[in-house]
N, C-alpha and C. Protein backbone atom coordinates (compact mmCIF):
# COMPACT_ATOMS: atom_id res chain seq x y z
N UNK A 1 0.84 -1.19 -0.02
CA UNK A 1 0.02 -0.01 0.03
C UNK A 1 0.92 1.24 0.00
N UNK A 2 0.55 2.22 -0.86
CA UNK A 2 1.25 3.47 -0.90
C UNK A 2 1.16 4.19 0.43
N UNK A 3 2.29 4.80 0.98
CA UNK A 3 2.22 5.46 2.19
C UNK A 3 2.57 6.94 2.06
N UNK A 4 2.79 7.41 0.86
CA UNK A 4 3.19 8.77 0.62
C UNK A 4 1.98 9.69 0.77
N UNK A 5 2.17 10.89 1.19
CA UNK A 5 1.02 11.97 1.31
C UNK A 5 0.62 12.48 -0.07
N UNK A 6 1.37 12.09 -1.11
CA UNK A 6 1.12 12.71 -2.43
C UNK A 6 1.50 11.67 -3.45
N UNK A 7 0.71 11.58 -4.51
CA UNK A 7 1.01 10.72 -5.67
C UNK A 7 0.85 11.54 -6.95
N UNK A 8 1.68 11.13 -7.95
CA UNK A 8 1.59 11.69 -9.24
C UNK A 8 1.12 10.64 -10.21
N UNK A 9 0.03 10.92 -10.93
CA UNK A 9 -0.66 9.99 -11.80
C UNK A 9 -0.90 10.48 -13.18
N UNK A 10 -1.04 9.57 -14.20
CA UNK A 10 -1.49 10.01 -15.50
C UNK A 10 -2.99 10.27 -15.49
N UNK A 11 -3.48 10.95 -16.50
CA UNK A 11 -4.90 10.99 -16.66
C UNK A 11 -5.39 9.61 -17.07
N UNK A 12 -6.55 9.25 -16.72
CA UNK A 12 -7.08 7.91 -16.97
C UNK A 12 -8.57 7.91 -17.38
N UNK A 13 -8.90 7.06 -18.28
CA UNK A 13 -10.28 6.91 -18.66
C UNK A 13 -10.88 5.90 -17.75
N UNK A 14 -11.82 6.38 -16.93
CA UNK A 14 -12.42 5.56 -15.89
C UNK A 14 -11.41 4.60 -15.24
N UNK A 15 -10.43 5.20 -14.61
CA UNK A 15 -9.28 4.45 -14.08
C UNK A 15 -9.59 3.17 -13.26
N UNK A 16 -8.58 2.35 -13.06
CA UNK A 16 -8.72 1.12 -12.39
C UNK A 16 -9.01 1.30 -10.81
N UNK A 17 -9.41 0.21 -10.25
CA UNK A 17 -9.66 0.19 -8.83
C UNK A 17 -8.36 0.66 -8.06
N UNK A 18 -7.22 0.04 -8.58
CA UNK A 18 -5.97 0.46 -7.83
C UNK A 18 -5.56 1.93 -8.09
N UNK A 19 -5.95 2.44 -9.17
CA UNK A 19 -5.68 3.95 -9.42
C UNK A 19 -6.45 4.75 -8.38
N UNK A 20 -7.72 4.42 -8.08
CA UNK A 20 -8.50 5.10 -7.16
C UNK A 20 -8.14 4.83 -5.71
N UNK A 21 -7.59 3.53 -5.50
CA UNK A 21 -7.10 3.27 -4.16
C UNK A 21 -5.98 4.19 -3.79
N UNK A 22 -5.02 4.34 -4.79
CA UNK A 22 -3.96 5.30 -4.51
C UNK A 22 -4.41 6.61 -4.10
N UNK A 23 -5.40 7.13 -4.88
CA UNK A 23 -5.93 8.50 -4.66
C UNK A 23 -6.63 8.61 -3.36
N UNK A 24 -7.48 7.60 -3.06
CA UNK A 24 -8.32 7.72 -1.81
C UNK A 24 -7.35 7.64 -0.55
N UNK A 25 -6.28 7.00 -0.66
CA UNK A 25 -5.40 6.82 0.54
C UNK A 25 -4.27 7.83 0.63
N UNK A 26 -4.41 8.97 -0.14
CA UNK A 26 -3.40 10.02 -0.06
C UNK A 26 -4.17 11.29 0.07
N UNK A 27 -3.59 12.32 0.74
CA UNK A 27 -4.32 13.61 0.94
C UNK A 27 -4.37 14.38 -0.35
N UNK A 28 -3.29 14.24 -1.15
CA UNK A 28 -3.16 15.02 -2.41
C UNK A 28 -2.75 14.11 -3.60
N UNK A 29 -3.35 14.41 -4.77
CA UNK A 29 -2.88 13.80 -5.96
C UNK A 29 -2.76 14.67 -7.08
N UNK A 30 -1.71 14.57 -7.92
CA UNK A 30 -1.48 15.39 -9.02
C UNK A 30 -1.64 14.68 -10.30
N UNK A 31 -2.40 15.17 -11.17
CA UNK A 31 -2.52 14.61 -12.56
C UNK A 31 -1.54 15.31 -13.52
N UNK A 32 -0.68 14.48 -14.12
CA UNK A 32 0.34 14.98 -15.07
C UNK A 32 -0.24 15.51 -16.28
N UNK A 33 -0.06 16.75 -16.68
CA UNK A 33 -0.60 17.29 -17.90
C UNK A 33 0.53 17.76 -18.83
N UNK A 34 1.73 17.52 -18.47
CA UNK A 34 2.83 17.93 -19.37
C UNK A 34 3.57 16.72 -19.98
N UNK A 35 3.16 15.48 -19.77
CA UNK A 35 3.78 14.40 -20.32
C UNK A 35 3.29 14.22 -21.79
N UNK A 36 4.02 13.39 -22.56
CA UNK A 36 3.59 13.05 -23.89
C UNK A 36 2.61 11.85 -23.86
N UNK A 37 1.73 11.85 -24.74
CA UNK A 37 0.68 10.77 -24.83
C UNK A 37 1.38 9.45 -25.01
N UNK A 38 0.96 8.41 -24.25
CA UNK A 38 1.42 7.08 -24.46
C UNK A 38 0.22 6.21 -24.88
N UNK A 39 0.37 5.51 -25.97
CA UNK A 39 -0.69 4.69 -26.51
C UNK A 39 -0.84 3.41 -25.66
N UNK A 40 -2.02 2.76 -25.78
CA UNK A 40 -2.28 1.48 -25.21
C UNK A 40 -2.11 1.49 -23.66
N UNK A 41 -2.56 2.53 -23.01
CA UNK A 41 -2.53 2.70 -21.61
C UNK A 41 -3.86 3.05 -21.02
N UNK A 42 -3.95 3.30 -19.75
CA UNK A 42 -5.19 3.74 -19.12
C UNK A 42 -5.55 5.15 -19.51
N UNK A 43 -4.68 5.80 -20.18
CA UNK A 43 -5.04 7.20 -20.63
C UNK A 43 -6.20 7.23 -21.58
N UNK A 44 -6.41 6.16 -22.35
CA UNK A 44 -7.56 6.10 -23.24
C UNK A 44 -8.15 4.73 -23.32
N UNK A 45 -7.84 3.86 -22.37
CA UNK A 45 -8.37 2.53 -22.31
C UNK A 45 -8.94 2.24 -20.90
N UNK A 46 -10.07 1.47 -20.91
CA UNK A 46 -10.57 0.91 -19.64
C UNK A 46 -11.16 -0.46 -19.86
N UNK A 47 -11.28 -1.22 -18.89
CA UNK A 47 -11.91 -2.50 -18.98
C UNK A 47 -13.18 -2.63 -18.07
N UNK A 48 -14.23 -3.11 -18.69
CA UNK A 48 -15.41 -3.37 -17.97
C UNK A 48 -15.72 -4.85 -17.96
N UNK A 49 -16.76 -5.29 -17.19
CA UNK A 49 -17.00 -6.70 -17.02
C UNK A 49 -18.56 -6.97 -17.23
N UNK A 50 -18.78 -7.70 -18.31
CA UNK A 50 -20.16 -8.06 -18.57
C UNK A 50 -20.46 -9.54 -18.71
N UNK A 51 -21.51 -9.90 -19.32
CA UNK A 51 -21.89 -11.35 -19.41
C UNK A 51 -21.00 -12.12 -20.28
N UNK A 52 -20.21 -11.48 -21.13
CA UNK A 52 -19.25 -12.16 -21.99
C UNK A 52 -17.86 -12.06 -21.53
N UNK A 53 -17.66 -11.54 -20.31
CA UNK A 53 -16.35 -11.44 -19.72
C UNK A 53 -15.92 -10.00 -19.80
N UNK A 54 -14.65 -9.79 -19.68
CA UNK A 54 -14.11 -8.41 -19.70
C UNK A 54 -14.06 -7.89 -21.14
N UNK A 55 -14.26 -6.57 -21.24
CA UNK A 55 -14.29 -5.84 -22.52
C UNK A 55 -13.48 -4.62 -22.39
N UNK A 56 -12.58 -4.41 -23.21
CA UNK A 56 -11.72 -3.15 -23.25
C UNK A 56 -12.43 -2.10 -24.14
N UNK A 57 -12.65 -0.94 -23.56
CA UNK A 57 -13.18 0.19 -24.20
C UNK A 57 -11.96 1.13 -24.54
N UNK A 58 -11.87 1.58 -25.76
CA UNK A 58 -10.76 2.40 -26.22
C UNK A 58 -11.32 3.70 -26.84
N UNK A 59 -10.88 4.81 -26.39
CA UNK A 59 -11.26 6.13 -26.91
C UNK A 59 -10.34 6.40 -28.10
N UNK A 60 -11.04 6.53 -29.32
CA UNK A 60 -10.15 6.76 -30.53
C UNK A 60 -9.63 8.23 -30.54
N UNK A 61 -8.37 8.34 -30.92
CA UNK A 61 -7.78 9.61 -30.86
C UNK A 61 -7.14 9.95 -32.25
N UNK A 62 -6.94 11.29 -32.45
CA UNK A 62 -6.12 11.76 -33.59
C UNK A 62 -4.76 11.89 -33.12
N UNK A 63 -3.79 11.31 -33.77
CA UNK A 63 -2.37 11.46 -33.36
C UNK A 63 -1.53 11.37 -34.62
N UNK A 64 -0.93 12.36 -34.92
CA UNK A 64 0.10 12.25 -36.11
C UNK A 64 1.12 11.21 -35.93
N UNK A 65 1.22 10.34 -36.94
CA UNK A 65 2.15 9.24 -36.82
C UNK A 65 3.58 9.71 -36.56
N UNK A 66 4.13 9.03 -35.55
CA UNK A 66 5.54 9.36 -35.21
C UNK A 66 5.81 10.64 -34.46
N UNK A 67 4.76 11.45 -34.19
CA UNK A 67 4.96 12.68 -33.57
C UNK A 67 4.56 12.59 -32.07
N UNK A 68 5.34 13.23 -31.23
CA UNK A 68 5.00 13.35 -29.74
C UNK A 68 3.94 14.42 -29.60
N UNK A 69 2.99 14.08 -28.73
CA UNK A 69 1.90 15.04 -28.56
C UNK A 69 1.68 15.15 -27.02
N UNK A 70 1.67 16.34 -26.50
CA UNK A 70 1.40 16.57 -25.06
C UNK A 70 -0.03 16.05 -24.78
N UNK A 71 -0.18 15.44 -23.58
CA UNK A 71 -1.44 14.80 -23.29
C UNK A 71 -2.66 15.69 -23.35
N UNK A 72 -2.43 16.95 -22.93
CA UNK A 72 -3.55 17.96 -22.98
C UNK A 72 -3.93 18.39 -24.37
N UNK A 73 -3.09 18.02 -25.35
CA UNK A 73 -3.35 18.38 -26.78
C UNK A 73 -3.98 17.23 -27.57
N UNK A 74 -4.06 16.10 -26.94
CA UNK A 74 -4.56 14.88 -27.68
C UNK A 74 -6.05 15.10 -27.99
N UNK A 75 -6.37 15.05 -29.30
CA UNK A 75 -7.76 15.20 -29.72
C UNK A 75 -8.46 13.84 -29.98
N UNK A 76 -9.70 13.83 -29.55
CA UNK A 76 -10.51 12.64 -29.74
C UNK A 76 -11.06 12.63 -31.21
N UNK A 77 -11.05 11.31 -31.71
CA UNK A 77 -11.72 11.19 -33.05
C UNK A 77 -13.15 10.78 -32.80
N UNK A 78 -14.03 11.65 -33.35
CA UNK A 78 -15.47 11.38 -33.11
C UNK A 78 -16.17 10.88 -34.34
N UNK A 79 -15.49 10.25 -35.24
CA UNK A 79 -16.01 9.81 -36.50
C UNK A 79 -16.99 8.68 -36.24
N UNK A 80 -16.62 7.69 -35.42
CA UNK A 80 -17.36 6.43 -35.23
C UNK A 80 -18.38 6.40 -34.13
N UNK A 81 -18.85 7.54 -33.63
CA UNK A 81 -19.86 7.60 -32.54
C UNK A 81 -19.41 6.68 -31.32
N UNK A 82 -18.15 6.87 -30.99
CA UNK A 82 -17.57 6.00 -29.93
C UNK A 82 -18.32 6.22 -28.60
N UNK A 83 -18.72 7.42 -28.31
CA UNK A 83 -19.38 7.66 -26.98
C UNK A 83 -20.68 6.80 -26.91
N UNK A 84 -21.43 6.79 -28.00
CA UNK A 84 -22.67 6.05 -27.99
C UNK A 84 -22.34 4.60 -27.79
N UNK A 85 -21.29 4.06 -28.55
CA UNK A 85 -20.93 2.70 -28.47
C UNK A 85 -20.40 2.30 -27.03
N UNK A 86 -19.62 3.15 -26.44
CA UNK A 86 -19.09 2.90 -25.14
C UNK A 86 -20.29 2.91 -24.09
N UNK A 87 -21.17 3.86 -24.24
CA UNK A 87 -22.27 3.94 -23.27
C UNK A 87 -23.17 2.64 -23.38
N UNK A 88 -23.38 2.22 -24.57
CA UNK A 88 -24.26 1.01 -24.72
C UNK A 88 -23.48 -0.13 -24.08
N UNK A 89 -22.22 -0.23 -24.28
CA UNK A 89 -21.45 -1.33 -23.69
C UNK A 89 -21.54 -1.29 -22.14
N UNK A 90 -21.41 -0.09 -21.57
CA UNK A 90 -21.54 0.06 -20.14
C UNK A 90 -22.95 -0.27 -19.65
N UNK A 91 -23.95 0.11 -20.39
CA UNK A 91 -25.31 -0.22 -20.06
C UNK A 91 -25.55 -1.73 -20.15
N UNK A 92 -25.05 -2.37 -21.18
CA UNK A 92 -25.18 -3.76 -21.31
C UNK A 92 -24.47 -4.55 -20.19
N UNK A 93 -23.32 -4.00 -19.75
CA UNK A 93 -22.50 -4.74 -18.75
C UNK A 93 -23.14 -4.58 -17.36
N UNK A 94 -23.68 -3.40 -17.10
CA UNK A 94 -24.07 -3.00 -15.64
C UNK A 94 -25.49 -2.79 -15.44
N UNK A 95 -26.33 -2.91 -16.41
CA UNK A 95 -27.74 -2.67 -16.23
C UNK A 95 -28.36 -3.52 -15.18
N UNK A 96 -27.86 -4.78 -15.02
CA UNK A 96 -28.36 -5.70 -13.97
C UNK A 96 -27.60 -5.59 -12.70
N UNK A 97 -26.65 -4.76 -12.60
CA UNK A 97 -25.92 -4.59 -11.31
C UNK A 97 -26.74 -3.88 -10.28
N UNK A 98 -26.47 -4.05 -9.00
CA UNK A 98 -27.38 -3.48 -7.98
C UNK A 98 -27.44 -1.96 -7.97
N UNK A 99 -26.41 -1.26 -8.43
CA UNK A 99 -26.43 0.15 -8.20
C UNK A 99 -26.34 1.00 -9.52
N UNK A 100 -26.35 0.34 -10.67
CA UNK A 100 -26.28 1.12 -11.86
C UNK A 100 -27.32 2.20 -12.03
N UNK A 101 -28.61 1.86 -11.62
CA UNK A 101 -29.68 2.83 -11.79
C UNK A 101 -29.48 3.99 -10.91
N UNK A 102 -28.70 3.96 -9.82
CA UNK A 102 -28.47 5.10 -8.95
C UNK A 102 -27.33 6.01 -9.55
N UNK A 103 -26.51 5.48 -10.32
CA UNK A 103 -25.33 6.22 -10.88
C UNK A 103 -25.47 6.58 -12.34
N UNK A 104 -26.43 5.96 -13.00
CA UNK A 104 -26.64 6.28 -14.46
C UNK A 104 -26.69 7.68 -14.76
N UNK A 105 -27.45 8.47 -14.06
CA UNK A 105 -27.60 9.87 -14.37
C UNK A 105 -26.36 10.75 -14.11
N UNK A 106 -25.36 10.18 -13.42
CA UNK A 106 -24.05 10.89 -13.27
C UNK A 106 -23.24 10.72 -14.52
N UNK A 107 -23.23 9.47 -15.04
CA UNK A 107 -22.31 9.14 -16.13
C UNK A 107 -22.88 9.37 -17.55
N UNK A 108 -24.18 9.13 -17.71
CA UNK A 108 -24.73 9.20 -19.01
C UNK A 108 -24.56 10.59 -19.72
N UNK A 109 -24.73 11.74 -19.03
CA UNK A 109 -24.62 12.98 -19.70
C UNK A 109 -23.13 13.25 -20.25
N UNK A 110 -22.16 12.65 -19.64
CA UNK A 110 -20.84 12.70 -20.13
C UNK A 110 -20.69 12.07 -21.49
N UNK A 111 -21.37 11.00 -21.66
CA UNK A 111 -21.35 10.25 -22.91
C UNK A 111 -22.30 10.90 -23.96
N UNK A 112 -23.12 11.86 -23.58
CA UNK A 112 -23.96 12.51 -24.51
C UNK A 112 -23.49 13.87 -24.89
N UNK A 113 -22.32 14.27 -24.31
CA UNK A 113 -21.77 15.59 -24.57
C UNK A 113 -20.59 15.49 -25.48
N UNK A 114 -20.51 16.16 -26.53
CA UNK A 114 -19.32 16.07 -27.45
C UNK A 114 -18.04 16.63 -26.75
N UNK A 115 -16.99 15.97 -26.93
CA UNK A 115 -15.66 16.38 -26.43
C UNK A 115 -14.67 16.49 -27.52
N UNK A 116 -13.76 17.40 -27.39
CA UNK A 116 -12.74 17.52 -28.40
C UNK A 116 -11.41 16.87 -27.89
N UNK A 117 -11.12 17.06 -26.58
CA UNK A 117 -9.87 16.60 -26.01
C UNK A 117 -10.00 15.52 -25.08
N UNK A 118 -9.12 14.54 -25.10
CA UNK A 118 -9.10 13.36 -24.20
C UNK A 118 -8.99 13.86 -22.73
N UNK A 119 -8.05 14.76 -22.47
CA UNK A 119 -7.81 15.15 -21.13
C UNK A 119 -9.06 15.74 -20.46
N UNK A 120 -9.83 16.50 -21.20
CA UNK A 120 -11.09 17.17 -20.62
C UNK A 120 -12.10 16.05 -20.34
N UNK A 121 -12.27 15.15 -21.25
CA UNK A 121 -13.21 14.07 -21.07
C UNK A 121 -12.91 13.20 -19.76
N UNK A 122 -11.58 12.80 -19.72
CA UNK A 122 -11.25 12.07 -18.53
C UNK A 122 -11.38 12.83 -17.24
N UNK A 123 -11.08 14.07 -17.26
CA UNK A 123 -11.16 14.85 -16.01
C UNK A 123 -12.62 14.96 -15.53
N UNK A 124 -13.52 15.17 -16.46
CA UNK A 124 -14.95 15.27 -16.02
C UNK A 124 -15.44 13.97 -15.48
N UNK A 125 -14.99 12.90 -16.01
CA UNK A 125 -15.35 11.61 -15.40
C UNK A 125 -14.69 11.33 -14.08
N UNK A 126 -13.40 11.82 -13.99
CA UNK A 126 -12.65 11.65 -12.80
C UNK A 126 -13.27 12.48 -11.57
N UNK A 127 -13.83 13.63 -11.76
CA UNK A 127 -14.47 14.35 -10.79
C UNK A 127 -15.76 13.69 -10.28
N UNK A 128 -16.46 13.02 -11.20
CA UNK A 128 -17.66 12.28 -10.83
C UNK A 128 -17.33 11.13 -9.94
N UNK A 129 -16.26 10.37 -10.35
CA UNK A 129 -15.88 9.25 -9.58
C UNK A 129 -15.43 9.62 -8.12
N UNK A 130 -14.64 10.71 -8.00
CA UNK A 130 -14.25 11.18 -6.74
C UNK A 130 -15.48 11.52 -5.85
N UNK A 131 -16.47 12.09 -6.42
CA UNK A 131 -17.62 12.46 -5.69
C UNK A 131 -18.40 11.23 -5.22
N UNK A 132 -18.54 10.28 -6.10
CA UNK A 132 -19.30 9.00 -5.74
C UNK A 132 -18.58 8.15 -4.73
N UNK A 133 -17.21 8.24 -4.76
CA UNK A 133 -16.42 7.55 -3.79
C UNK A 133 -16.31 8.26 -2.41
N UNK A 134 -16.84 9.53 -2.45
CA UNK A 134 -16.70 10.41 -1.30
C UNK A 134 -15.22 10.57 -0.91
N UNK A 135 -14.38 10.78 -1.95
CA UNK A 135 -12.99 10.82 -1.81
C UNK A 135 -12.58 12.32 -1.50
N UNK A 136 -11.82 12.46 -0.44
CA UNK A 136 -11.43 13.86 -0.03
C UNK A 136 -10.05 14.23 -0.52
N UNK A 137 -9.38 13.41 -1.27
CA UNK A 137 -8.04 13.67 -1.80
C UNK A 137 -8.15 14.95 -2.67
N UNK A 138 -7.29 15.94 -2.44
CA UNK A 138 -7.32 17.15 -3.25
C UNK A 138 -6.64 16.93 -4.63
N UNK A 139 -7.26 17.35 -5.66
CA UNK A 139 -6.73 17.12 -7.01
C UNK A 139 -5.95 18.36 -7.49
N UNK A 140 -4.75 18.16 -8.09
CA UNK A 140 -3.97 19.21 -8.59
C UNK A 140 -3.58 18.82 -10.01
N UNK A 141 -3.13 19.79 -10.80
CA UNK A 141 -2.62 19.53 -12.14
C UNK A 141 -1.16 20.08 -12.23
N UNK A 142 -0.27 19.32 -12.83
CA UNK A 142 1.07 19.70 -12.83
C UNK A 142 1.22 21.01 -13.74
N UNK A 143 2.03 21.92 -13.34
CA UNK A 143 2.28 23.18 -14.14
C UNK A 143 3.55 23.10 -14.93
N UNK A 144 4.22 21.97 -14.87
CA UNK A 144 5.41 21.66 -15.70
C UNK A 144 5.63 20.09 -15.54
N UNK A 145 6.51 19.54 -16.38
CA UNK A 145 6.72 18.09 -16.33
C UNK A 145 7.46 17.91 -14.88
N UNK A 146 6.97 17.01 -14.16
CA UNK A 146 7.40 16.76 -12.76
C UNK A 146 8.36 15.62 -12.68
N UNK A 147 9.42 15.82 -11.93
CA UNK A 147 10.38 14.73 -11.60
C UNK A 147 10.20 14.44 -10.10
N UNK A 148 9.65 13.29 -9.74
CA UNK A 148 9.44 12.94 -8.40
C UNK A 148 10.17 11.75 -7.96
N UNK A 149 10.38 11.53 -6.69
CA UNK A 149 10.84 10.30 -6.17
C UNK A 149 9.96 9.15 -6.65
N UNK A 150 10.65 8.07 -7.10
CA UNK A 150 9.84 6.95 -7.71
C UNK A 150 8.80 6.39 -6.81
N UNK A 151 8.95 6.51 -5.57
CA UNK A 151 7.90 6.03 -4.63
C UNK A 151 6.52 6.81 -4.71
N UNK A 152 6.59 7.98 -5.35
CA UNK A 152 5.40 8.73 -5.49
C UNK A 152 4.97 8.80 -6.98
N UNK A 153 5.75 8.33 -7.89
CA UNK A 153 5.45 8.47 -9.31
C UNK A 153 4.77 7.24 -9.82
N UNK A 154 3.52 7.45 -10.23
CA UNK A 154 2.69 6.27 -10.81
C UNK A 154 2.28 6.55 -12.21
N UNK A 155 3.06 7.31 -12.97
CA UNK A 155 2.73 7.51 -14.34
C UNK A 155 2.88 6.31 -15.18
N UNK A 156 3.69 5.38 -14.76
CA UNK A 156 3.78 4.06 -15.44
C UNK A 156 2.75 3.09 -14.90
N UNK A 157 1.89 2.60 -15.78
CA UNK A 157 0.73 1.88 -15.36
C UNK A 157 1.04 0.71 -14.48
N UNK A 158 2.08 -0.05 -14.73
CA UNK A 158 2.38 -1.27 -13.91
C UNK A 158 2.66 -0.85 -12.47
N UNK A 159 3.22 0.30 -12.26
CA UNK A 159 3.44 0.77 -10.96
C UNK A 159 2.12 0.98 -10.15
N UNK A 160 1.05 1.36 -10.85
CA UNK A 160 -0.26 1.54 -10.17
C UNK A 160 -0.77 0.20 -9.80
N UNK A 161 -0.68 -0.85 -10.68
CA UNK A 161 -1.24 -2.09 -10.43
C UNK A 161 -0.53 -2.79 -9.26
N UNK A 162 0.72 -2.49 -9.04
CA UNK A 162 1.55 -3.14 -8.06
C UNK A 162 1.51 -2.34 -6.74
N UNK A 163 0.70 -1.28 -6.68
CA UNK A 163 0.81 -0.35 -5.50
C UNK A 163 -0.02 -0.79 -4.30
N UNK A 164 -0.98 -1.67 -4.52
CA UNK A 164 -1.87 -1.95 -3.43
C UNK A 164 -2.45 -3.34 -3.45
N UNK A 165 -2.89 -3.84 -2.33
CA UNK A 165 -3.53 -5.16 -2.23
C UNK A 165 -5.01 -4.91 -2.30
N UNK A 166 -5.61 -5.43 -3.41
CA UNK A 166 -7.08 -5.18 -3.60
C UNK A 166 -7.90 -6.28 -2.95
N UNK A 167 -9.13 -5.76 -2.51
CA UNK A 167 -10.05 -6.72 -1.90
C UNK A 167 -11.13 -7.10 -2.87
N UNK A 168 -11.46 -8.39 -2.88
CA UNK A 168 -12.53 -8.85 -3.77
C UNK A 168 -13.86 -8.27 -3.30
N UNK A 169 -14.72 -7.98 -4.26
CA UNK A 169 -16.06 -7.40 -4.08
C UNK A 169 -17.05 -8.21 -4.96
N UNK A 170 -18.28 -7.91 -4.73
CA UNK A 170 -19.34 -8.61 -5.48
C UNK A 170 -19.34 -8.12 -6.91
N UNK A 171 -19.31 -9.07 -7.91
CA UNK A 171 -19.44 -8.85 -9.32
C UNK A 171 -20.59 -9.74 -9.86
N UNK A 172 -21.44 -9.14 -10.67
CA UNK A 172 -22.70 -9.83 -11.15
C UNK A 172 -22.26 -11.09 -11.86
N UNK A 173 -21.25 -11.05 -12.70
CA UNK A 173 -20.92 -12.23 -13.57
C UNK A 173 -19.73 -13.06 -13.00
N UNK A 174 -19.32 -12.85 -11.73
CA UNK A 174 -18.25 -13.57 -11.25
C UNK A 174 -18.55 -15.06 -11.19
N UNK A 175 -19.80 -15.43 -11.00
CA UNK A 175 -20.12 -16.90 -11.00
C UNK A 175 -19.83 -17.56 -12.30
N UNK A 176 -19.74 -16.75 -13.31
CA UNK A 176 -19.55 -17.33 -14.69
C UNK A 176 -18.05 -17.27 -15.14
N UNK A 177 -17.43 -16.16 -14.71
CA UNK A 177 -16.02 -15.96 -15.24
C UNK A 177 -15.02 -15.84 -14.09
N UNK A 178 -15.46 -15.85 -12.84
CA UNK A 178 -14.57 -15.66 -11.75
C UNK A 178 -14.41 -14.15 -11.47
N UNK A 179 -13.78 -13.86 -10.37
CA UNK A 179 -13.57 -12.38 -9.98
C UNK A 179 -12.59 -11.78 -11.00
N UNK A 180 -12.90 -10.63 -11.46
CA UNK A 180 -12.05 -9.91 -12.45
C UNK A 180 -11.32 -8.80 -11.63
N UNK A 181 -10.03 -8.86 -11.43
CA UNK A 181 -9.30 -8.03 -10.60
C UNK A 181 -8.91 -6.74 -11.31
N UNK A 182 -9.00 -5.65 -10.55
CA UNK A 182 -8.42 -4.33 -11.00
C UNK A 182 -8.92 -3.85 -12.31
N UNK A 183 -10.17 -3.88 -12.58
CA UNK A 183 -10.64 -3.34 -13.82
C UNK A 183 -11.24 -1.88 -13.52
N UNK A 184 -11.98 -1.32 -14.35
CA UNK A 184 -12.51 0.06 -14.20
C UNK A 184 -13.24 0.30 -12.91
N UNK A 185 -13.05 1.39 -12.36
CA UNK A 185 -13.71 1.78 -11.08
C UNK A 185 -15.22 1.75 -11.24
N UNK A 186 -15.73 1.92 -12.50
CA UNK A 186 -17.20 1.85 -12.63
C UNK A 186 -17.75 0.54 -12.37
N UNK A 187 -16.95 -0.48 -12.45
CA UNK A 187 -17.39 -1.85 -12.07
C UNK A 187 -17.68 -1.97 -10.55
N UNK A 188 -16.70 -1.41 -9.81
CA UNK A 188 -16.86 -1.44 -8.36
C UNK A 188 -18.05 -0.57 -7.96
N UNK A 189 -18.17 0.60 -8.49
CA UNK A 189 -19.25 1.46 -8.17
C UNK A 189 -20.64 0.88 -8.42
N UNK A 190 -20.78 0.23 -9.58
CA UNK A 190 -22.07 -0.34 -9.93
C UNK A 190 -22.45 -1.55 -9.20
N UNK A 191 -21.41 -2.28 -8.74
CA UNK A 191 -21.68 -3.46 -7.94
C UNK A 191 -21.77 -3.33 -6.42
N UNK A 192 -21.08 -2.32 -5.89
CA UNK A 192 -21.08 -2.09 -4.45
C UNK A 192 -21.68 -0.77 -3.98
N UNK A 193 -21.90 0.14 -4.93
CA UNK A 193 -22.64 1.34 -4.60
C UNK A 193 -21.93 2.19 -3.54
N UNK A 194 -22.62 2.70 -2.50
CA UNK A 194 -22.07 3.52 -1.45
C UNK A 194 -20.94 2.80 -0.70
N UNK A 195 -20.89 1.47 -0.68
CA UNK A 195 -19.82 0.75 0.04
C UNK A 195 -18.56 0.64 -0.85
N UNK A 196 -18.52 1.25 -2.11
CA UNK A 196 -17.34 1.11 -2.90
C UNK A 196 -16.06 1.62 -2.29
N UNK A 197 -16.20 2.67 -1.51
CA UNK A 197 -15.11 3.27 -0.85
C UNK A 197 -14.45 2.30 0.15
N UNK A 198 -15.06 1.34 0.57
CA UNK A 198 -14.53 0.36 1.54
C UNK A 198 -13.54 -0.60 0.90
N UNK A 199 -13.55 -0.61 -0.47
CA UNK A 199 -12.77 -1.58 -1.23
C UNK A 199 -11.56 -1.00 -1.89
N UNK A 200 -11.40 0.33 -1.71
CA UNK A 200 -10.17 0.98 -2.25
C UNK A 200 -9.35 1.60 -1.15
């Protein structure tokens, strides 16, 4: 378990349970906004759990081939109605979960609002999750690229996953596929509701 009073994290699309465990157990967290975009990471990927097992949702982005792009400048590609597709996938996965109906009205408007930049979309979801977890960790954004002691730096995804011992919680389809560890926080929220904070 992280014991630092502060952690540095990348922006994340509906981050993992361990991502929010780090945040909930520290007084302050900083979201890095001066790093370059890294593909195939939690920055634009998340995993949900439905009747067919886990499903990875990927936000499509515009990125010039071979060019480095600062994370706050990464633009979303809205050609394929990805927000509608992602929301339908979330609805399908969690409609039968105990608490989806209570949280639907928090998340649905985000998927119905057009976004240009990945960073803005992620941050709006992040604030909703913090509210639902009743998380008191103060959020900050870097004003330059930060160099931190490695014990506080979780910009590398594998460091997040190794940061904490997670507790199993109820999942609707665990009887079919087994417990799915460290997937998107929306899974924990929909399955445990107000008790979600007890598992991070």
